């Protein structure tokens, strides 16, 4: 079954089978059609609070209400992709924390969310709200060409790609760049939507907010 998602082709049935196999969701309660619908959706479903660390539920929920384009399921799925919920992760190019924001981006969008006297990308609450603000800013920037490309692409997919490779790259491509990196990034996040909506169960207990215990 080939489904066009955001302007690019995806072999969706094998992907769903892989998701259910590795997420422990091969039982009769998991509806592949539901998983497919969520995969192709806008990420605005209800976050399953048991799928994320308990201390991160509130910041993820808050970050997912900052603008209409980005929901908490998107925030959680992107954190999973970026850091596996490792709040201490430092990336190869200096990206920091659970949301893997560069120092420059965090300086623009980060605030001291928990009033501990310091705004830090290594503080999960600070990072997650900065992530939400940055995604909302990117969503506004990509809106003009979200449906103007050939074929059209959805605004959320382009926004996610811009978070990963930068706004200049998606503007030049007028959508999600046709590179393995960008396509895999967007699809990888979408593949997690069903987990964070509670449709496909996580195979292990929710991770701590300060250690990398992602179920991937």
Foldseek 3Di string as FASTA:
>chain_A
DWDQAFNDIDPQVVLLVVLQVLQVNPDPLFDSVVLVDLLRDQLAADFDCQQAAVVCPVLLQVLQVPDPSRHSLLLVLQLCVPFLLALQDADPVGQHGSNRHHPVLCVVQFDDPPPPPDTDSSPSSRVSNSVSVQLVVLLVVLVVLQVVDVNHGHSNLQSQLCRVPNPVVCVVVSGQDPDPVSVCRSSSSSSCSCPRSVSRDGPDGHDHNNHNPRSD
